[in-house]
């Protein structure tokens, strides 16, 4: 399971002409689910995302988590993250989980996040338009 996290001052996701999720300060989480992922991995990734220190303390060091700063998360499904890009000019998608299992684990991850801090979500498998202001820019790839 993969989370590409971006520290944002704001982020939103739209489906057609409807905003389905929006946050101010926090993390945009692009979530990819791989074959073999399970609930335990979803829980471990949620712990890493919500506790990962990407926000600056008073000394200007990245020592604070999204929970520490009272931020939110916006979780967006991203089936391309597990893609195999090692060769050629077209990604292979055989490493990704089947859609039903990916949706289930996306929901599990999102619910676990919502138990920890304010959480908004995109719409699984929809054609989404994601907008964000990456603060820094700060972007990290987390994988469990």
N, C-alpha and C. Protein backbone atom coordinates (compact mmCIF):
# COMPACT_ATOMS: atom_id res chain seq x y z
N UNK A 1 0.86 -1.17 0.00
CA UNK A 1 0.00 0.00 0.00
C UNK A 1 0.90 1.23 0.00
N UNK A 2 0.54 2.19 -0.82
CA UNK A 2 1.37 3.37 -1.05
C UNK A 2 0.56 4.63 -0.76
N UNK A 3 1.21 5.58 -0.09
CA UNK A 3 0.62 6.91 0.08
C UNK A 3 1.65 7.93 -0.39
N UNK A 4 1.28 8.71 -1.39
CA UNK A 4 2.07 9.86 -1.78
C UNK A 4 1.44 11.03 -1.03
N UNK A 5 2.17 11.57 -0.05
CA UNK A 5 1.59 12.63 0.78
C UNK A 5 2.22 13.97 0.40
N UNK A 6 1.38 14.99 0.36
CA UNK A 6 1.83 16.34 0.06
C UNK A 6 1.32 17.27 1.15
N UNK A 7 2.24 18.02 1.73
CA UNK A 7 1.85 19.02 2.72
C UNK A 7 1.20 20.17 1.97
N UNK A 8 -0.02 20.51 2.35
CA UNK A 8 -0.77 21.53 1.62
C UNK A 8 -1.30 22.61 2.55
N UNK A 9 -1.46 23.80 1.97
CA UNK A 9 -2.18 24.85 2.69
C UNK A 9 -3.65 24.79 2.33
N UNK A 10 -3.96 24.13 1.20
CA UNK A 10 -5.34 23.85 0.81
C UNK A 10 -5.33 22.82 -0.31
N UNK A 11 -6.41 22.05 -0.38
CA UNK A 11 -6.56 21.06 -1.45
C UNK A 11 -8.05 20.75 -1.60
N UNK A 12 -8.42 20.39 -2.81
CA UNK A 12 -9.81 20.04 -3.09
C UNK A 12 -9.87 19.02 -4.22
N UNK A 13 -10.93 18.26 -4.25
CA UNK A 13 -11.16 17.32 -5.33
C UNK A 13 -12.59 17.51 -5.83
N UNK A 14 -12.70 17.56 -7.16
CA UNK A 14 -13.99 17.77 -7.81
C UNK A 14 -14.31 16.59 -8.72
N UNK A 15 -15.57 16.24 -8.76
CA UNK A 15 -16.07 15.24 -9.70
C UNK A 15 -17.17 15.94 -10.48
N UNK A 16 -16.98 16.01 -11.80
CA UNK A 16 -17.83 16.81 -12.67
C UNK A 16 -17.79 18.25 -12.15
N UNK A 17 -18.88 18.83 -11.75
CA UNK A 17 -18.86 20.21 -11.25
C UNK A 17 -19.08 20.28 -9.75
N UNK A 18 -18.90 19.17 -9.05
CA UNK A 18 -19.16 19.11 -7.61
C UNK A 18 -17.86 18.92 -6.83
N UNK A 19 -17.65 19.76 -5.82
CA UNK A 19 -16.53 19.55 -4.90
C UNK A 19 -16.96 18.46 -3.94
N UNK A 20 -16.23 17.33 -3.96
CA UNK A 20 -16.60 16.20 -3.10
C UNK A 20 -15.73 16.13 -1.85
N UNK A 21 -14.63 16.87 -1.82
CA UNK A 21 -13.77 16.92 -0.64
C UNK A 21 -12.85 18.12 -0.72
N UNK A 22 -12.64 18.76 0.42
CA UNK A 22 -11.75 19.93 0.46
C UNK A 22 -11.21 20.10 1.88
N UNK A 23 -9.95 20.52 1.96
CA UNK A 23 -9.33 20.79 3.26
C UNK A 23 -8.52 22.08 3.17
N UNK A 24 -8.20 22.60 4.33
CA UNK A 24 -7.22 23.69 4.40
C UNK A 24 -5.90 23.04 4.81
N UNK A 25 -5.20 23.54 5.80
CA UNK A 25 -3.89 23.00 6.17
C UNK A 25 -3.97 21.51 6.48
N UNK A 26 -3.07 20.76 5.87
CA UNK A 26 -3.04 19.33 6.13
C UNK A 26 -2.26 18.58 5.10
N UNK A 27 -2.72 17.36 4.82
CA UNK A 27 -2.05 16.47 3.87
C UNK A 27 -3.01 16.00 2.80
N UNK A 28 -2.59 16.14 1.54
CA UNK A 28 -3.26 15.46 0.45
C UNK A 28 -2.62 14.09 0.36
N UNK A 29 -3.43 13.04 0.44
CA UNK A 29 -2.93 11.67 0.41
C UNK A 29 -3.43 11.00 -0.86
N UNK A 30 -2.51 10.74 -1.79
CA UNK A 30 -2.84 9.94 -2.97
C UNK A 30 -2.56 8.50 -2.59
N UNK A 31 -3.58 7.65 -2.62
CA UNK A 31 -3.50 6.29 -2.08
C UNK A 31 -3.56 5.25 -3.19
N UNK A 32 -2.53 4.40 -3.23
CA UNK A 32 -2.49 3.29 -4.17
C UNK A 32 -2.52 1.98 -3.43
N UNK A 33 -3.35 1.05 -3.89
CA UNK A 33 -3.50 -0.25 -3.26
C UNK A 33 -2.92 -1.31 -4.18
N UNK A 34 -2.03 -2.14 -3.61
CA UNK A 34 -1.36 -3.18 -4.37
C UNK A 34 -1.94 -4.55 -4.07
N UNK A 35 -1.72 -5.49 -4.97
CA UNK A 35 -2.09 -6.88 -4.70
C UNK A 35 -1.42 -7.32 -3.41
N UNK A 36 -2.14 -8.04 -2.59
CA UNK A 36 -1.59 -8.54 -1.33
C UNK A 36 -1.76 -7.59 -0.16
N UNK A 37 -2.22 -6.37 -0.39
CA UNK A 37 -2.46 -5.45 0.72
C UNK A 37 -3.66 -5.94 1.53
N UNK A 38 -3.67 -5.57 2.81
CA UNK A 38 -4.74 -6.02 3.70
C UNK A 38 -5.03 -4.95 4.75
N UNK A 39 -5.96 -5.25 5.66
CA UNK A 39 -6.36 -4.29 6.69
C UNK A 39 -5.19 -3.88 7.58
N UNK A 40 -4.30 -4.81 7.89
CA UNK A 40 -3.14 -4.49 8.74
C UNK A 40 -2.24 -3.46 8.06
N UNK A 41 -2.05 -3.60 6.76
CA UNK A 41 -1.24 -2.62 6.03
C UNK A 41 -1.96 -1.27 5.98
N UNK A 42 -3.27 -1.28 5.82
CA UNK A 42 -4.03 -0.03 5.82
C UNK A 42 -3.86 0.68 7.17
N UNK A 43 -3.92 -0.07 8.25
CA UNK A 43 -3.76 0.53 9.58
C UNK A 43 -2.35 1.07 9.76
N UNK A 44 -1.35 0.31 9.36
CA UNK A 44 0.04 0.76 9.51
C UNK A 44 0.30 2.00 8.67
N UNK A 45 -0.23 2.04 7.46
CA UNK A 45 -0.03 3.21 6.62
C UNK A 45 -0.75 4.43 7.20
N UNK A 46 -1.95 4.24 7.74
CA UNK A 46 -2.66 5.34 8.39
C UNK A 46 -1.82 5.90 9.54
N UNK A 47 -1.22 5.02 10.34
CA UNK A 47 -0.38 5.46 11.45
C UNK A 47 0.80 6.28 10.95
N UNK A 48 1.44 5.81 9.89
CA UNK A 48 2.58 6.55 9.34
C UNK A 48 2.15 7.90 8.80
N UNK A 49 1.05 7.94 8.04
CA UNK A 49 0.58 9.19 7.45
C UNK A 49 0.22 10.20 8.54
N UNK A 50 -0.54 9.79 9.52
CA UNK A 50 -1.02 10.74 10.53
C UNK A 50 0.06 11.15 11.53
N UNK A 51 1.14 10.37 11.61
CA UNK A 51 2.21 10.68 12.55
C UNK A 51 3.50 11.17 11.89
N UNK A 52 3.55 11.14 10.56
CA UNK A 52 4.76 11.53 9.84
C UNK A 52 5.03 13.02 10.05
N UNK A 53 6.24 13.35 10.42
CA UNK A 53 6.57 14.73 10.80
C UNK A 53 7.00 15.53 9.56
N UNK A 54 6.05 16.30 9.04
CA UNK A 54 6.29 17.09 7.83
C UNK A 54 5.99 18.58 8.02
N UNK A 55 5.52 18.95 9.21
CA UNK A 55 5.23 20.35 9.49
C UNK A 55 6.30 20.92 10.40
N UNK A 56 6.59 22.20 10.21
CA UNK A 56 7.68 22.84 10.94
C UNK A 56 7.28 23.21 12.37
N UNK A 57 8.25 23.04 13.28
CA UNK A 57 8.08 23.50 14.65
C UNK A 57 8.56 24.95 14.73
N UNK A 58 8.63 25.50 15.95
CA UNK A 58 9.04 26.89 16.13
C UNK A 58 10.47 27.16 15.67
N UNK A 59 11.29 26.11 15.61
CA UNK A 59 12.69 26.26 15.18
C UNK A 59 12.84 26.06 13.67
N UNK A 60 11.73 25.85 12.97
CA UNK A 60 11.80 25.67 11.53
C UNK A 60 12.16 24.26 11.09
N UNK A 61 12.15 23.30 12.01
CA UNK A 61 12.46 21.90 11.69
C UNK A 61 11.16 21.13 11.46
N UNK A 62 11.19 20.18 10.54
CA UNK A 62 10.01 19.35 10.29
C UNK A 62 9.91 18.32 11.42
N UNK A 63 9.29 18.73 12.51
CA UNK A 63 9.15 17.88 13.69
C UNK A 63 7.71 17.65 14.10
N UNK A 64 6.74 18.18 13.36
CA UNK A 64 5.34 18.07 13.75
C UNK A 64 4.54 17.29 12.71
N UNK A 65 3.60 16.50 13.19
CA UNK A 65 2.73 15.73 12.31
C UNK A 65 1.47 16.53 12.01
N UNK A 66 0.67 16.01 11.08
CA UNK A 66 -0.60 16.65 10.76
C UNK A 66 -1.50 16.68 12.00
N UNK A 67 -1.41 15.66 12.84
CA UNK A 67 -2.19 15.66 14.08
C UNK A 67 -1.70 16.75 15.02
N UNK A 68 -0.38 16.92 15.10
CA UNK A 68 0.20 17.93 16.01
C UNK A 68 -0.26 19.34 15.66
N UNK A 69 -0.45 19.63 14.37
CA UNK A 69 -0.80 20.99 13.95
C UNK A 69 -2.31 21.18 13.79
N UNK A 70 -3.09 20.14 14.13
CA UNK A 70 -4.54 20.24 14.00
C UNK A 70 -5.01 20.30 12.57
N UNK A 71 -4.27 19.65 11.67
CA UNK A 71 -4.61 19.66 10.26
C UNK A 71 -5.60 18.57 9.88
N UNK A 72 -5.88 18.49 8.60
CA UNK A 72 -6.82 17.52 8.04
C UNK A 72 -6.12 16.71 6.96
N UNK A 73 -6.79 15.65 6.51
CA UNK A 73 -6.29 14.89 5.37
C UNK A 73 -7.38 14.81 4.31
N UNK A 74 -6.95 14.81 3.07
CA UNK A 74 -7.82 14.59 1.92
C UNK A 74 -7.28 13.35 1.22
N UNK A 75 -8.05 12.26 1.24
CA UNK A 75 -7.62 10.98 0.68
C UNK A 75 -8.23 10.82 -0.71
N UNK A 76 -7.35 10.57 -1.70
CA UNK A 76 -7.77 10.42 -3.09
C UNK A 76 -7.21 9.11 -3.63
N UNK A 77 -8.07 8.25 -4.17
CA UNK A 77 -7.60 6.99 -4.74
C UNK A 77 -6.75 7.29 -5.98
N UNK A 78 -5.67 6.52 -6.12
CA UNK A 78 -4.71 6.77 -7.21
C UNK A 78 -4.20 5.43 -7.71
N UNK A 79 -4.93 4.81 -8.65
CA UNK A 79 -4.58 3.47 -9.10
C UNK A 79 -3.25 3.42 -9.84
N UNK A 80 -2.73 4.56 -10.28
CA UNK A 80 -1.47 4.56 -11.03
C UNK A 80 -0.24 4.45 -10.13
N UNK A 81 -0.37 4.67 -8.83
CA UNK A 81 0.81 4.61 -7.96
C UNK A 81 1.52 3.25 -7.97
N UNK A 82 0.81 2.13 -7.96
CA UNK A 82 1.51 0.85 -7.98
C UNK A 82 2.01 0.43 -9.37
N UNK A 83 1.86 1.28 -10.35
CA UNK A 83 2.23 0.93 -11.73
C UNK A 83 3.71 0.55 -11.84
N UNK A 84 3.97 -0.37 -12.74
CA UNK A 84 5.34 -0.77 -13.06
C UNK A 84 5.83 0.14 -14.19
N UNK A 85 6.84 0.95 -13.90
CA UNK A 85 7.37 1.91 -14.88
C UNK A 85 8.84 1.66 -15.18
N UNK A 86 9.32 0.46 -14.87
CA UNK A 86 10.76 0.18 -15.00
C UNK A 86 11.27 0.11 -16.43
N UNK A 87 10.40 -0.22 -17.37
CA UNK A 87 10.88 -0.30 -18.75
C UNK A 87 9.78 0.13 -19.70
N UNK A 88 10.19 0.45 -20.89
CA UNK A 88 9.23 0.84 -21.92
C UNK A 88 8.70 2.25 -21.73
N UNK A 89 7.67 2.55 -22.49
CA UNK A 89 7.08 3.89 -22.46
C UNK A 89 5.60 3.86 -22.08
N UNK A 90 5.16 2.72 -21.56
CA UNK A 90 3.78 2.61 -21.08
C UNK A 90 3.79 1.85 -19.77
N UNK A 91 3.10 2.38 -18.78
CA UNK A 91 3.05 1.74 -17.46
C UNK A 91 2.28 0.43 -17.53
N UNK A 92 2.70 -0.51 -16.68
CA UNK A 92 1.97 -1.76 -16.49
C UNK A 92 1.21 -1.70 -15.18
N UNK A 93 -0.01 -2.21 -15.18
CA UNK A 93 -0.86 -2.07 -13.99
C UNK A 93 -1.14 -3.39 -13.29
N UNK A 94 -0.35 -4.40 -13.53
CA UNK A 94 -0.61 -5.72 -12.95
C UNK A 94 -0.31 -5.79 -11.45
N UNK A 95 0.39 -4.82 -10.89
CA UNK A 95 0.71 -4.84 -9.46
C UNK A 95 -0.43 -4.30 -8.59
N UNK A 96 -1.37 -3.62 -9.22
CA UNK A 96 -2.48 -3.03 -8.47
C UNK A 96 -3.49 -4.07 -8.04
N UNK A 97 -4.15 -3.79 -6.92
CA UNK A 97 -5.20 -4.68 -6.42
C UNK A 97 -6.41 -4.64 -7.35
N UNK A 98 -7.20 -5.69 -7.33
CA UNK A 98 -8.45 -5.72 -8.09
C UNK A 98 -9.35 -4.59 -7.58
N UNK A 99 -10.16 -4.01 -8.46
CA UNK A 99 -10.96 -2.85 -8.07
C UNK A 99 -11.81 -3.02 -6.81
N UNK A 100 -12.47 -4.14 -6.63
CA UNK A 100 -13.31 -4.33 -5.43
C UNK A 100 -12.47 -4.32 -4.16
N UNK A 101 -11.32 -4.97 -4.19
CA UNK A 101 -10.45 -5.01 -3.01
C UNK A 101 -9.80 -3.65 -2.80
N UNK A 102 -9.41 -2.98 -3.86
CA UNK A 102 -8.83 -1.65 -3.73
C UNK A 102 -9.84 -0.68 -3.11
N UNK A 103 -11.09 -0.74 -3.55
CA UNK A 103 -12.13 0.12 -2.98
C UNK A 103 -12.32 -0.17 -1.50
N UNK A 104 -12.36 -1.45 -1.15
CA UNK A 104 -12.55 -1.83 0.25
C UNK A 104 -11.42 -1.28 1.12
N UNK A 105 -10.18 -1.44 0.67
CA UNK A 105 -9.05 -0.98 1.46
C UNK A 105 -8.94 0.54 1.46
N UNK A 106 -9.34 1.19 0.39
CA UNK A 106 -9.43 2.65 0.37
C UNK A 106 -10.40 3.12 1.45
N UNK A 107 -11.56 2.45 1.53
CA UNK A 107 -12.55 2.80 2.55
C UNK A 107 -12.03 2.53 3.95
N UNK A 108 -11.34 1.40 4.15
CA UNK A 108 -10.76 1.08 5.46
C UNK A 108 -9.76 2.16 5.86
N UNK A 109 -8.84 2.49 4.96
CA UNK A 109 -7.82 3.51 5.25
C UNK A 109 -8.48 4.84 5.58
N UNK A 110 -9.45 5.25 4.79
CA UNK A 110 -10.12 6.54 4.99
C UNK A 110 -10.83 6.58 6.34
N UNK A 111 -11.51 5.48 6.69
CA UNK A 111 -12.22 5.42 7.97
C UNK A 111 -11.23 5.47 9.14
N UNK A 112 -10.12 4.77 9.02
CA UNK A 112 -9.10 4.82 10.08
C UNK A 112 -8.56 6.23 10.25
N UNK A 113 -8.33 6.92 9.15
CA UNK A 113 -7.89 8.32 9.23
C UNK A 113 -8.95 9.17 9.93
N UNK A 114 -10.22 8.96 9.56
CA UNK A 114 -11.31 9.76 10.13
C UNK A 114 -11.45 9.56 11.63
N UNK A 115 -10.98 8.43 12.13
CA UNK A 115 -11.00 8.19 13.58
C UNK A 115 -9.91 8.97 14.29
N UNK A 116 -8.94 9.49 13.55
CA UNK A 116 -7.80 10.21 14.13
C UNK A 116 -7.89 11.72 13.96
N UNK A 117 -8.42 12.19 12.83
CA UNK A 117 -8.44 13.61 12.54
C UNK A 117 -9.44 13.90 11.43
N UNK A 118 -9.79 15.17 11.21
CA UNK A 118 -10.74 15.49 10.14
C UNK A 118 -10.25 14.95 8.80
N UNK A 119 -11.15 14.24 8.11
CA UNK A 119 -10.79 13.55 6.87
C UNK A 119 -11.85 13.79 5.81
N UNK A 120 -11.40 14.17 4.63
CA UNK A 120 -12.25 14.30 3.46
C UNK A 120 -11.76 13.28 2.44
N UNK A 121 -12.61 12.93 1.50
CA UNK A 121 -12.25 11.92 0.51
C UNK A 121 -12.68 12.32 -0.89
N UNK A 122 -11.96 11.78 -1.85
CA UNK A 122 -12.39 11.86 -3.23
C UNK A 122 -13.45 10.80 -3.46
N UNK A 123 -13.73 10.49 -4.70
CA UNK A 123 -14.70 9.46 -5.05
C UNK A 123 -13.96 8.35 -5.79
N UNK A 124 -13.95 7.17 -5.20
CA UNK A 124 -13.19 6.05 -5.74
C UNK A 124 -13.57 5.80 -7.20
N UNK A 125 -12.56 5.65 -8.04
CA UNK A 125 -12.68 5.28 -9.46
C UNK A 125 -13.36 6.34 -10.33
N UNK A 126 -13.59 7.52 -9.78
CA UNK A 126 -14.19 8.59 -10.57
C UNK A 126 -13.11 9.34 -11.33
N UNK A 127 -13.51 10.07 -12.34
CA UNK A 127 -12.61 11.00 -13.03
C UNK A 127 -12.59 12.26 -12.17
N UNK A 128 -11.52 12.42 -11.41
CA UNK A 128 -11.43 13.51 -10.44
C UNK A 128 -10.47 14.59 -10.91
N UNK A 129 -10.76 15.81 -10.51
CA UNK A 129 -9.87 16.94 -10.72
C UNK A 129 -9.39 17.37 -9.34
N UNK A 130 -8.09 17.24 -9.12
CA UNK A 130 -7.51 17.55 -7.81
C UNK A 130 -6.74 18.85 -7.92
N UNK A 131 -7.04 19.77 -7.02
CA UNK A 131 -6.28 21.02 -6.97
C UNK A 131 -5.66 21.14 -5.59
N UNK A 132 -4.47 21.74 -5.55
CA UNK A 132 -3.78 21.86 -4.28
C UNK A 132 -2.78 23.00 -4.33
N UNK A 133 -2.46 23.48 -3.14
CA UNK A 133 -1.33 24.38 -2.97
C UNK A 133 -0.36 23.61 -2.09
N UNK A 134 0.70 23.07 -2.72
CA UNK A 134 1.71 22.30 -2.01
C UNK A 134 2.56 23.29 -1.24
N UNK A 135 2.60 23.13 0.07
CA UNK A 135 3.30 24.03 0.98
C UNK A 135 4.73 23.58 1.14
N UNK A 136 5.64 24.26 0.49
CA UNK A 136 7.05 23.91 0.62
C UNK A 136 7.82 24.07 -0.68
N UNK A 137 7.67 23.22 -1.64
CA UNK A 137 6.84 22.02 -1.68
C UNK A 137 7.42 20.90 -0.81
N UNK A 138 6.52 20.16 -0.19
CA UNK A 138 6.90 19.00 0.63
C UNK A 138 6.06 17.84 0.17
N UNK A 139 6.74 16.79 -0.34
CA UNK A 139 6.07 15.59 -0.84
C UNK A 139 6.90 14.38 -0.43
N UNK A 140 6.23 13.35 0.10
CA UNK A 140 6.89 12.11 0.51
C UNK A 140 6.11 10.90 0.00
N UNK A 141 6.86 9.85 -0.32
CA UNK A 141 6.32 8.55 -0.74
C UNK A 141 6.44 7.64 0.48
N UNK A 142 5.30 7.16 0.99
CA UNK A 142 5.29 6.21 2.10
C UNK A 142 4.74 4.89 1.58
N UNK A 143 5.38 3.80 1.94
CA UNK A 143 4.94 2.48 1.47
C UNK A 143 5.07 1.49 2.60
N UNK A 144 4.06 0.65 2.74
CA UNK A 144 4.09 -0.44 3.75
C UNK A 144 3.80 -1.75 3.06
